[in-house]
Amino acid sequence: IWTSISILGNTVKTPVGDAEVTIKVPPGTQPGQVMRLKGNGAPRLGDPNSRGDHYVTMKVEIPKDLSKEEEELIQKLKEVREKKSKKGFFNR
């Protein structure tokens, strides 16, 4: 998934076995986070009408070739985050 989806949240389509499902990626999703898609896994042995769960590991793609505008926006985000984290112990 793209970094912006990981930060802001969105929906993405992903293949599961013999189908494709749309999953909701919540805001703040971390790289390596695992999501369970209940009932979207392989058919259960002896009961082909019942399916197990499918697990998806979130892989966040960090862009390597930022445009000037993207770089400026990321720099602005960095400054806002730094300002936010400079609160003292008693200001929390």
PDB file of N, CA and C in Angstrom:
ATOM      1  N   ILE A   1       0.846  -1.183   0.000  1.00  0.00           N
ATOM      2  CA  ILE A   1       0.000   0.000   0.000  1.00  0.00           C
ATOM      3  C   ILE A   1       0.889   1.242   0.000  1.00  0.00           C
ATOM      4  N   TRP A   2       0.368   2.330  -0.454  1.00  0.00           N
ATOM      5  CA  TRP A   2       1.109   3.584  -0.478  1.00  0.00           C
ATOM      6  C   TRP A   2       1.159   4.175   0.914  1.00  0.00           C
ATOM      7  N   THR A   3       2.169   4.981   1.159  1.00  0.00           N
ATOM      8  CA  THR A   3       2.351   5.631   2.452  1.00  0.00           C
ATOM      9  C   THR A   3       1.120   6.442   2.835  1.00  0.00           C
ATOM     10  N   SER A   4       0.544   7.167   1.873  1.00  0.00           N
ATOM     11  CA  SER A   4      -0.631   8.009   2.172  1.00  0.00           C
ATOM     12  C   SER A   4      -1.810   7.164   2.639  1.00  0.00           C
ATOM     13  N   ILE A   5      -1.992   5.992   2.054  1.00  0.00           N
ATOM     14  CA  ILE A   5      -3.083   5.104   2.490  1.00  0.00           C
ATOM     15  C   ILE A   5      -2.816   4.629   3.906  1.00  0.00           C
ATOM     16  N   SER A   6      -1.566   4.308   4.197  1.00  0.00           N
ATOM     17  CA  SER A   6      -1.195   3.860   5.530  1.00  0.00           C
ATOM     18  C   SER A   6      -1.464   4.945   6.572  1.00  0.00           C
ATOM     19  N   ILE A   7      -1.174   6.179   6.229  1.00  0.00           N
ATOM     20  CA  ILE A   7      -1.348   7.290   7.165  1.00  0.00           C
ATOM     21  C   ILE A   7      -2.813   7.689   7.306  1.00  0.00           C
ATOM     22  N   LEU A   8      -3.497   7.878   6.187  1.00  0.00           N
ATOM     23  CA  LEU A   8      -4.857   8.423   6.190  1.00  0.00           C
ATOM     24  C   LEU A   8      -5.957   7.373   6.226  1.00  0.00           C
ATOM     25  N   GLY A   9      -5.644   6.153   5.781  1.00  0.00           N
ATOM     26  CA  GLY A   9      -6.664   5.113   5.677  1.00  0.00           C
ATOM     27  C   GLY A   9      -7.363   5.185   4.329  1.00  0.00           C
ATOM     28  N   ASN A  10      -7.900   4.066   3.877  1.00  0.00           N
ATOM     29  CA  ASN A  10      -8.615   3.998   2.603  1.00  0.00           C
ATOM     30  C   ASN A  10      -9.056   2.556   2.406  1.00  0.00           C
ATOM     31  N   THR A  11      -9.600   2.268   1.242  1.00  0.00           N
ATOM     32  CA  THR A  11      -9.924   0.889   0.899  1.00  0.00           C
ATOM     33  C   THR A  11      -9.009   0.459  -0.246  1.00  0.00           C
ATOM     34  N   VAL A  12      -8.626  -0.820  -0.234  1.00  0.00           N
ATOM     35  CA  VAL A  12      -7.790  -1.387  -1.292  1.00  0.00           C
ATOM     36  C   VAL A  12      -8.316  -2.763  -1.661  1.00  0.00           C
ATOM     37  N   LYS A  13      -8.114  -3.140  -2.916  1.00  0.00           N
ATOM     38  CA  LYS A  13      -8.497  -4.472  -3.377  1.00  0.00           C
ATOM     39  C   LYS A  13      -7.287  -5.387  -3.247  1.00  0.00           C
ATOM     40  N   THR A  14      -7.537  -6.614  -2.802  1.00  0.00           N
ATOM     41  CA  THR A  14      -6.459  -7.578  -2.649  1.00  0.00           C
ATOM     42  C   THR A  14      -6.960  -8.965  -3.061  1.00  0.00           C
ATOM     43  N   PRO A  15      -6.105  -9.749  -3.713  1.00  0.00           N
ATOM     44  CA  PRO A  15      -6.518 -11.110  -4.085  1.00  0.00           C
ATOM     45  C   PRO A  15      -6.526 -12.019  -2.857  1.00  0.00           C
ATOM     46  N   VAL A  16      -7.531 -12.877  -2.786  1.00  0.00           N
ATOM     47  CA  VAL A  16      -7.615 -13.896  -1.731  1.00  0.00           C
ATOM     48  C   VAL A  16      -8.039 -15.205  -2.378  1.00  0.00           C
ATOM     49  N   GLY A  17      -7.101 -16.138  -2.468  1.00  0.00           N
ATOM     50  CA  GLY A  17      -7.420 -17.426  -3.065  1.00  0.00           C
ATOM     51  C   GLY A  17      -7.949 -17.279  -4.475  1.00  0.00           C
ATOM     52  N   ASP A  18      -9.207 -17.613  -4.679  1.00  0.00           N
ATOM     53  CA  ASP A  18      -9.808 -17.594  -6.010  1.00  0.00           C
ATOM     54  C   ASP A  18     -10.685 -16.369  -6.256  1.00  0.00           C
ATOM     55  N   ALA A  19     -10.497 -15.325  -5.450  1.00  0.00           N
ATOM     56  CA  ALA A  19     -11.336 -14.128  -5.588  1.00  0.00           C
ATOM     57  C   ALA A  19     -10.516 -12.872  -5.269  1.00  0.00           C
ATOM     58  N   GLU A  20     -11.194 -11.746  -5.273  1.00  0.00           N
ATOM     59  CA  GLU A  20     -10.592 -10.477  -4.893  1.00  0.00           C
ATOM     60  C   GLU A  20     -11.566  -9.784  -3.957  1.00  0.00           C
ATOM     61  N   VAL A  21     -11.049  -9.239  -2.856  1.00  0.00           N
ATOM     62  CA  VAL A  21     -11.911  -8.542  -1.904  1.00  0.00           C
ATOM     63  C   VAL A  21     -11.389  -7.133  -1.683  1.00  0.00           C
ATOM     64  N   THR A  22     -12.281  -6.263  -1.229  1.00  0.00           N
ATOM     65  CA  THR A  22     -11.907  -4.901  -0.867  1.00  0.00           C
ATOM     66  C   THR A  22     -11.801  -4.853   0.647  1.00  0.00           C
ATOM     67  N   ILE A  23     -10.660  -4.398   1.142  1.00  0.00           N
ATOM     68  CA  ILE A  23     -10.480  -4.300   2.586  1.00  0.00           C
ATOM     69  C   ILE A  23     -10.328  -2.831   2.982  1.00  0.00           C
ATOM     70  N   LYS A  24     -10.784  -2.523   4.179  1.00  0.00           N
ATOM     71  CA  LYS A  24     -10.674  -1.173   4.711  1.00  0.00           C
ATOM     72  C   LYS A  24      -9.366  -1.094   5.501  1.00  0.00           C
ATOM     73  N   VAL A  25      -8.471  -0.221   5.051  1.00  0.00           N
ATOM     74  CA  VAL A  25      -7.196  -0.004   5.739  1.00  0.00           C
ATOM     75  C   VAL A  25      -7.404   1.176   6.688  1.00  0.00           C
ATOM     76  N   PRO A  26      -7.331   0.935   8.015  1.00  0.00           N
ATOM     77  CA  PRO A  26      -7.575   2.031   8.947  1.00  0.00           C
ATOM     78  C   PRO A  26      -6.425   3.036   8.979  1.00  0.00           C
ATOM     79  N   PRO A  27      -6.710   4.297   9.323  1.00  0.00           N
ATOM     80  CA  PRO A  27      -5.640   5.284   9.445  1.00  0.00           C
ATOM     81  C   PRO A  27      -4.601   4.825  10.465  1.00  0.00           C
ATOM     82  N   GLY A  28      -3.344   5.097  10.175  1.00  0.00           N
ATOM     83  CA  GLY A  28      -2.271   4.728  11.100  1.00  0.00           C
ATOM     84  C   GLY A  28      -1.789   3.296  10.961  1.00  0.00           C
ATOM     85  N   THR A  29      -2.175   2.617   9.882  1.00  0.00           N
ATOM     86  CA  THR A  29      -1.725   1.241   9.664  1.00  0.00           C
ATOM     87  C   THR A  29      -0.209   1.212   9.555  1.00  0.00           C
ATOM     88  N   GLN A  30       0.416   0.301  10.282  1.00  0.00           N
ATOM     89  CA  GLN A  30       1.870   0.216  10.347  1.00  0.00           C
ATOM     90  C   GLN A  30       2.409  -0.843   9.389  1.00  0.00           C
ATOM     91  N   PRO A  31       3.633  -0.650   8.869  1.00  0.00           N
ATOM     92  CA  PRO A  31       4.247  -1.680   8.024  1.00  0.00           C
ATOM     93  C   PRO A  31       4.353  -2.991   8.809  1.00  0.00           C
ATOM     94  N   GLY A  32       4.011  -4.087   8.165  1.00  0.00           N
ATOM     95  CA  GLY A  32       4.080  -5.395   8.812  1.00  0.00           C
ATOM     96  C   GLY A  32       2.844  -5.756   9.620  1.00  0.00           C
ATOM     97  N   GLN A  33       1.912  -4.825   9.785  1.00  0.00           N
ATOM     98  CA  GLN A  33       0.680  -5.111  10.518  1.00  0.00           C
ATOM     99  C   GLN A  33      -0.099  -6.187   9.782  1.00  0.00           C
ATOM    100  N   VAL A  34      -0.678  -7.126  10.520  1.00  0.00           N
ATOM    101  CA  VAL A  34      -1.422  -8.234   9.927  1.00  0.00           C
ATOM    102  C   VAL A  34      -2.911  -8.013  10.147  1.00  0.00           C
ATOM    103  N   MET A  35      -3.678  -8.174   9.067  1.00  0.00           N
ATOM    104  CA  MET A  35      -5.138  -8.050   9.149  1.00  0.00           C
ATOM    105  C   MET A  35      -5.759  -9.398   8.826  1.00  0.00           C
ATOM    106  N   ARG A  36      -6.788  -9.777   9.575  1.00  0.00           N
ATOM    107  CA  ARG A  36      -7.492 -11.039   9.341  1.00  0.00           C
ATOM    108  C   ARG A  36      -8.757 -10.768   8.536  1.00  0.00           C
ATOM    109  N   LEU A  37      -8.907 -11.496   7.439  1.00  0.00           N
ATOM    110  CA  LEU A  37     -10.115 -11.414   6.626  1.00  0.00           C
ATOM    111  C   LEU A  37     -10.926 -12.666   6.909  1.00  0.00           C
ATOM    112  N   LYS A  38     -11.845 -12.540   7.823  1.00  0.00           N
ATOM    113  CA  LYS A  38     -12.620 -13.675   8.305  1.00  0.00           C
ATOM    114  C   LYS A  38     -13.478 -14.279   7.188  1.00  0.00           C
ATOM    115  N   GLY A  39     -13.345 -15.588   7.004  1.00  0.00           N
ATOM    116  CA  GLY A  39     -14.158 -16.308   6.025  1.00  0.00           C
ATOM    117  C   GLY A  39     -13.710 -16.156   4.586  1.00  0.00           C
ATOM    118  N   ASN A  40     -12.526 -15.580   4.351  1.00  0.00           N
ATOM    119  CA  ASN A  40     -12.036 -15.381   2.990  1.00  0.00           C
ATOM    120  C   ASN A  40     -10.843 -16.269   2.657  1.00  0.00           C
ATOM    121  N   GLY A  41     -10.570 -17.260   3.474  1.00  0.00           N
ATOM    122  CA  GLY A  41      -9.434 -18.146   3.248  1.00  0.00           C
ATOM    123  C   GLY A  41      -9.807 -19.360   2.419  1.00  0.00           C
ATOM    124  N   ALA A  42      -8.997 -20.395   2.553  1.00  0.00           N
ATOM    125  CA  ALA A  42      -9.202 -21.643   1.807  1.00  0.00           C
ATOM    126  C   ALA A  42     -10.423 -22.390   2.344  1.00  0.00           C
ATOM    127  N   PRO A  43     -11.065 -23.194   1.480  1.00  0.00           N
ATOM    128  CA  PRO A  43     -12.198 -24.010   1.950  1.00  0.00           C
ATOM    129  C   PRO A  43     -11.729 -24.987   3.034  1.00  0.00           C
ATOM    130  N   ARG A  44     -12.595 -25.231   4.014  1.00  0.00           N
ATOM    131  CA  ARG A  44     -12.262 -26.166   5.090  1.00  0.00           C
ATOM    132  C   ARG A  44     -12.358 -27.596   4.566  1.00  0.00           C
ATOM    133  N   LEU A  45     -11.468 -28.441   5.061  1.00  0.00           N
ATOM    134  CA  LEU A  45     -11.482 -29.850   4.669  1.00  0.00           C
ATOM    135  C   LEU A  45     -12.799 -30.490   5.082  1.00  0.00           C
ATOM    136  N   GLY A  46     -13.413 -31.197   4.181  1.00  0.00           N
ATOM    137  CA  GLY A  46     -14.669 -31.883   4.471  1.00  0.00           C
ATOM    138  C   GLY A  46     -15.898 -30.989   4.422  1.00  0.00           C
ATOM    139  N   ASP A  47     -15.732 -29.703   4.276  1.00  0.00           N
ATOM    140  CA  ASP A  47     -16.862 -28.780   4.224  1.00  0.00           C
ATOM    141  C   ASP A  47     -16.537 -27.643   3.251  1.00  0.00           C
ATOM    142  N   PRO A  48     -16.670 -27.905   1.945  1.00  0.00           N
ATOM    143  CA  PRO A  48     -16.282 -26.910   0.946  1.00  0.00           C
ATOM    144  C   PRO A  48     -17.112 -25.623   0.979  1.00  0.00           C
ATOM    145  N   ASN A  49     -18.248 -25.628   1.676  1.00  0.00           N
ATOM    146  CA  ASN A  49     -19.076 -24.425   1.776  1.00  0.00           C
ATOM    147  C   ASN A  49     -18.591 -23.481   2.871  1.00  0.00           C
ATOM    148  N   SER A  50     -17.680 -23.962   3.715  1.00  0.00           N
ATOM    149  CA  SER A  50     -17.148 -23.159   4.809  1.00  0.00           C
ATOM    150  C   SER A  50     -15.689 -22.813   4.509  1.00  0.00           C
ATOM    151  N   ARG A  51     -15.322 -21.583   4.775  1.00  0.00           N
ATOM    152  CA  ARG A  51     -13.950 -21.147   4.488  1.00  0.00           C
ATOM    153  C   ARG A  51     -13.266 -20.674   5.768  1.00  0.00           C
ATOM    154  N   GLY A  52     -11.958 -20.839   5.788  1.00  0.00           N
ATOM    155  CA  GLY A  52     -11.149 -20.350   6.899  1.00  0.00           C
ATOM    156  C   GLY A  52     -10.878 -18.861   6.738  1.00  0.00           C
ATOM    157  N   ASP A  53      -9.962 -18.371   7.540  1.00  0.00           N
ATOM    158  CA  ASP A  53      -9.609 -16.955   7.490  1.00  0.00           C
ATOM    159  C   ASP A  53      -8.384 -16.754   6.602  1.00  0.00           C
ATOM    160  N   HIS A  54      -8.280 -15.575   6.044  1.00  0.00           N
ATOM    161  CA  HIS A  54      -7.126 -15.202   5.209  1.00  0.00           C
ATOM    162  C   HIS A  54      -6.420 -14.051   5.927  1.00  0.00           C
ATOM    163  N   TYR A  55      -5.108 -14.138   6.031  1.00  0.00           N
ATOM    164  CA  TYR A  55      -4.333 -13.099   6.712  1.00  0.00           C
ATOM    165  C   TYR A  55      -3.527 -12.303   5.695  1.00  0.00           C
ATOM    166  N   VAL A  56      -3.570 -10.977   5.826  1.00  0.00           N
ATOM    167  CA  VAL A  56      -2.872 -10.074   4.916  1.00  0.00           C
ATOM    168  C   VAL A  56      -1.867  -9.269   5.732  1.00  0.00           C
ATOM    169  N   THR A  57      -0.603  -9.292   5.300  1.00  0.00           N
ATOM    170  CA  THR A  57       0.437  -8.490   5.943  1.00  0.00           C
ATOM    171  C   THR A  57       0.599  -7.198   5.159  1.00  0.00           C
ATOM    172  N   MET A  58       0.490  -6.072   5.844  1.00  0.00           N
ATOM    173  CA  MET A  58       0.577  -4.771   5.193  1.00  0.00           C
ATOM    174  C   MET A  58       2.027  -4.448   4.842  1.00  0.00           C
ATOM    175  N   LYS A  59       2.250  -4.206   3.577  1.00  0.00           N
ATOM    176  CA  LYS A  59       3.560  -3.769   3.100  1.00  0.00           C
ATOM    177  C   LYS A  59       3.390  -2.341   2.609  1.00  0.00           C
ATOM    178  N   VAL A  60       4.050  -1.420   3.286  1.00  0.00           N
ATOM    179  CA  VAL A  60       3.929   0.002   2.965  1.00  0.00           C
ATOM    180  C   VAL A  60       5.055   0.383   2.022  1.00  0.00           C
ATOM    181  N   GLU A  61       4.683   0.933   0.881  1.00  0.00           N
ATOM    182  CA  GLU A  61       5.664   1.335  -0.127  1.00  0.00           C
ATOM    183  C   GLU A  61       6.092   2.775   0.124  1.00  0.00           C
ATOM    184  N   ILE A  62       7.387   2.942   0.391  1.00  0.00           N
ATOM    185  CA  ILE A  62       7.939   4.274   0.615  1.00  0.00           C
ATOM    186  C   ILE A  62       8.482   4.781  -0.730  1.00  0.00           C
ATOM    187  N   PRO A  63       7.979   5.899  -1.233  1.00  0.00           N
ATOM    188  CA  PRO A  63       8.437   6.387  -2.541  1.00  0.00           C
ATOM    189  C   PRO A  63       9.905   6.819  -2.503  1.00  0.00           C
ATOM    190  N   LYS A  64      10.606   6.533  -3.598  1.00  0.00           N
ATOM    191  CA  LYS A  64      12.020   6.889  -3.703  1.00  0.00           C
ATOM    192  C   LYS A  64      12.236   8.118  -4.575  1.00  0.00           C
ATOM    193  N   ASP A  65      11.279   8.425  -5.415  1.00  0.00           N
ATOM    194  CA  ASP A  65      11.443   9.527  -6.363  1.00  0.00           C
ATOM    195  C   ASP A  65      10.355  10.584  -6.160  1.00  0.00           C
ATOM    196  N   LEU A  66      10.534  11.392  -5.122  1.00  0.00           N
ATOM    197  CA  LEU A  66       9.557  12.424  -4.809  1.00  0.00           C
ATOM    198  C   LEU A  66       9.703  13.621  -5.742  1.00  0.00           C
ATOM    199  N   SER A  67       8.561  14.189  -6.104  1.00  0.00           N
ATOM    200  CA  SER A  67       8.596  15.451  -6.852  1.00  0.00           C
ATOM    201  C   SER A  67       8.940  16.558  -5.861  1.00  0.00           C
ATOM    202  N   LYS A  68       9.246  17.725  -6.372  1.00  0.00           N
ATOM    203  CA  LYS A  68       9.567  18.873  -5.517  1.00  0.00           C
ATOM    204  C   LYS A  68       8.375  19.191  -4.604  1.00  0.00           C
ATOM    205  N   GLU A  69       7.172  19.154  -5.162  1.00  0.00           N
ATOM    206  CA  GLU A  69       5.971  19.443  -4.379  1.00  0.00           C
ATOM    207  C   GLU A  69       5.779  18.409  -3.269  1.00  0.00           C
ATOM    208  N   GLU A  70       5.971  17.116  -3.587  1.00  0.00           N
ATOM    209  CA  GLU A  70       5.832  16.065  -2.581  1.00  0.00           C
ATOM    210  C   GLU A  70       6.870  16.229  -1.471  1.00  0.00           C
ATOM    211  N   GLU A  71       8.088  16.560  -1.870  1.00  0.00           N
ATOM    212  CA  GLU A  71       9.156  16.767  -0.888  1.00  0.00           C
ATOM    213  C   GLU A  71       8.816  17.921   0.055  1.00  0.00           C
ATOM    214  N   GLU A  72       8.276  19.004  -0.486  1.00  0.00           N
ATOM    215  CA  GLU A  72       7.892  20.158   0.333  1.00  0.00           C
ATOM    216  C   GLU A  72       6.770  19.781   1.310  1.00  0.00           C
ATOM    217  N   LEU A  73       5.810  19.004   0.843  1.00  0.00           N
ATOM    218  CA  LEU A  73       4.702  18.578   1.711  1.00  0.00           C
ATOM    219  C   LEU A  73       5.192  17.675   2.838  1.00  0.00           C
ATOM    220  N   ILE A  74       6.100  16.758   2.517  1.00  0.00           N
ATOM    221  CA  ILE A  74       6.653  15.861   3.539  1.00  0.00           C
ATOM    222  C   ILE A  74       7.467  16.670   4.549  1.00  0.00           C
ATOM    223  N   GLN A  75       8.208  17.655   4.070  1.00  0.00           N
ATOM    224  CA  GLN A  75       8.988  18.521   4.968  1.00  0.00           C
ATOM    225  C   GLN A  75       8.050  19.281   5.903  1.00  0.00           C
ATOM    226  N   LYS A  76       6.937  19.778   5.368  1.00  0.00           N
ATOM    227  CA  LYS A  76       5.953  20.499   6.184  1.00  0.00           C
ATOM    228  C   LYS A  76       5.365  19.560   7.244  1.00  0.00           C
ATOM    229  N   LEU A  77       5.049  18.329   6.860  1.00  0.00           N
ATOM    230  CA  LEU A  77       4.530  17.342   7.811  1.00  0.00           C
ATOM    231  C   LEU A  77       5.559  17.080   8.911  1.00  0.00           C
ATOM    232  N   LYS A  78       6.810  16.947   8.535  1.00  0.00           N
ATOM    233  CA  LYS A  78       7.888  16.726   9.501  1.00  0.00           C
ATOM    234  C   LYS A  78       7.946  17.871  10.509  1.00  0.00           C
ATOM    235  N   GLU A  79       7.867  19.109  10.018  1.00  0.00           N
ATOM    236  CA  GLU A  79       7.924  20.279  10.895  1.00  0.00           C
ATOM    237  C   GLU A  79       6.731  20.302  11.856  1.00  0.00           C
ATOM    238  N   VAL A  80       5.545  19.992  11.364  1.00  0.00           N
ATOM    239  CA  VAL A  80       4.346  19.965  12.206  1.00  0.00           C
ATOM    240  C   VAL A  80       4.485  18.892  13.282  1.00  0.00           C
ATOM    241  N   ARG A  81       4.975  17.705  12.886  1.00  0.00           N
ATOM    242  CA  ARG A  81       5.150  16.609  13.847  1.00  0.00           C
ATOM    243  C   ARG A  81       6.200  16.948  14.897  1.00  0.00           C
ATOM    244  N   GLU A  82       7.283  17.602  14.486  1.00  0.00           N
ATOM    245  CA  GLU A  82       8.331  17.991  15.434  1.00  0.00           C
ATOM    246  C   GLU A  82       7.801  19.027  16.430  1.00  0.00           C
ATOM    247  N   LYS A  83       7.027  19.984  15.917  1.00  0.00           N
ATOM    248  CA  LYS A  83       6.447  21.011  16.782  1.00  0.00           C
ATOM    249  C   LYS A  83       5.498  20.363  17.789  1.00  0.00           C
ATOM    250  N   LYS A  84       4.735  19.406  17.317  1.00  0.00           N
ATOM    251  CA  LYS A  84       3.778  18.709  18.171  1.00  0.00           C
ATOM    252  C   LYS A  84       4.489  17.909  19.266  1.00  0.00           C
ATOM    253  N   SER A  85       5.648  17.326  18.944  1.00  0.00           N
ATOM    254  CA  SER A  85       6.349  16.478  19.906  1.00  0.00           C
ATOM    255  C   SER A  85       7.248  17.247  20.864  1.00  0.00           C
ATOM    256  N   LYS A  86       7.373  18.566  20.702  1.00  0.00           N
ATOM    257  CA  LYS A  86       8.245  19.371  21.575  1.00  0.00           C
ATOM    258  C   LYS A  86       7.546  19.779  22.859  1.00  0.00           C
ATOM    259  N   LYS A  87       6.379  19.257  23.098  1.00  0.00           N
ATOM    260  CA  LYS A  87       5.687  19.557  24.349  1.00  0.00           C
ATOM    261  C   LYS A  87       6.511  18.983  25.505  1.00  0.00           C
ATOM    262  N   GLY A  88       6.567  19.711  26.574  1.00  0.00           N
ATOM    263  CA  GLY A  88       7.308  19.257  27.747  1.00  0.00           C
ATOM    264  C   GLY A  88       6.558  18.151  28.481  1.00  0.00           C
ATOM    265  N   PHE A  89       7.194  17.593  29.479  1.00  0.00           N
ATOM    266  CA  PHE A  89       6.621  16.503  30.265  1.00  0.00           C
ATOM    267  C   PHE A  89       5.291  16.918  30.893  1.00  0.00           C
ATOM    268  N   PHE A  90       5.211  18.143  31.426  1.00  0.00           N
ATOM    269  CA  PHE A  90       4.022  18.578  32.111  1.00  0.00           C
ATOM    270  C   PHE A  90       2.924  19.078  31.171  1.00  0.00           C
ATOM    271  N   ASN A  91       3.242  19.218  29.870  1.00  0.00           N
ATOM    272  CA  ASN A  91       2.247  19.678  28.890  1.00  0.00           C
ATOM    273  C   ASN A  91       1.462  18.547  28.270  1.00  0.00           C
ATOM    274  N   ARG A  92       1.765  17.325  28.616  1.00  0.00           N
ATOM    275  CA  ARG A  92       1.102  16.178  27.979  1.00  0.00           C
ATOM    276  C   ARG A  92      -0.231  15.871  28.582  1.00  0.00           C
TER     277      ARG A  92
END
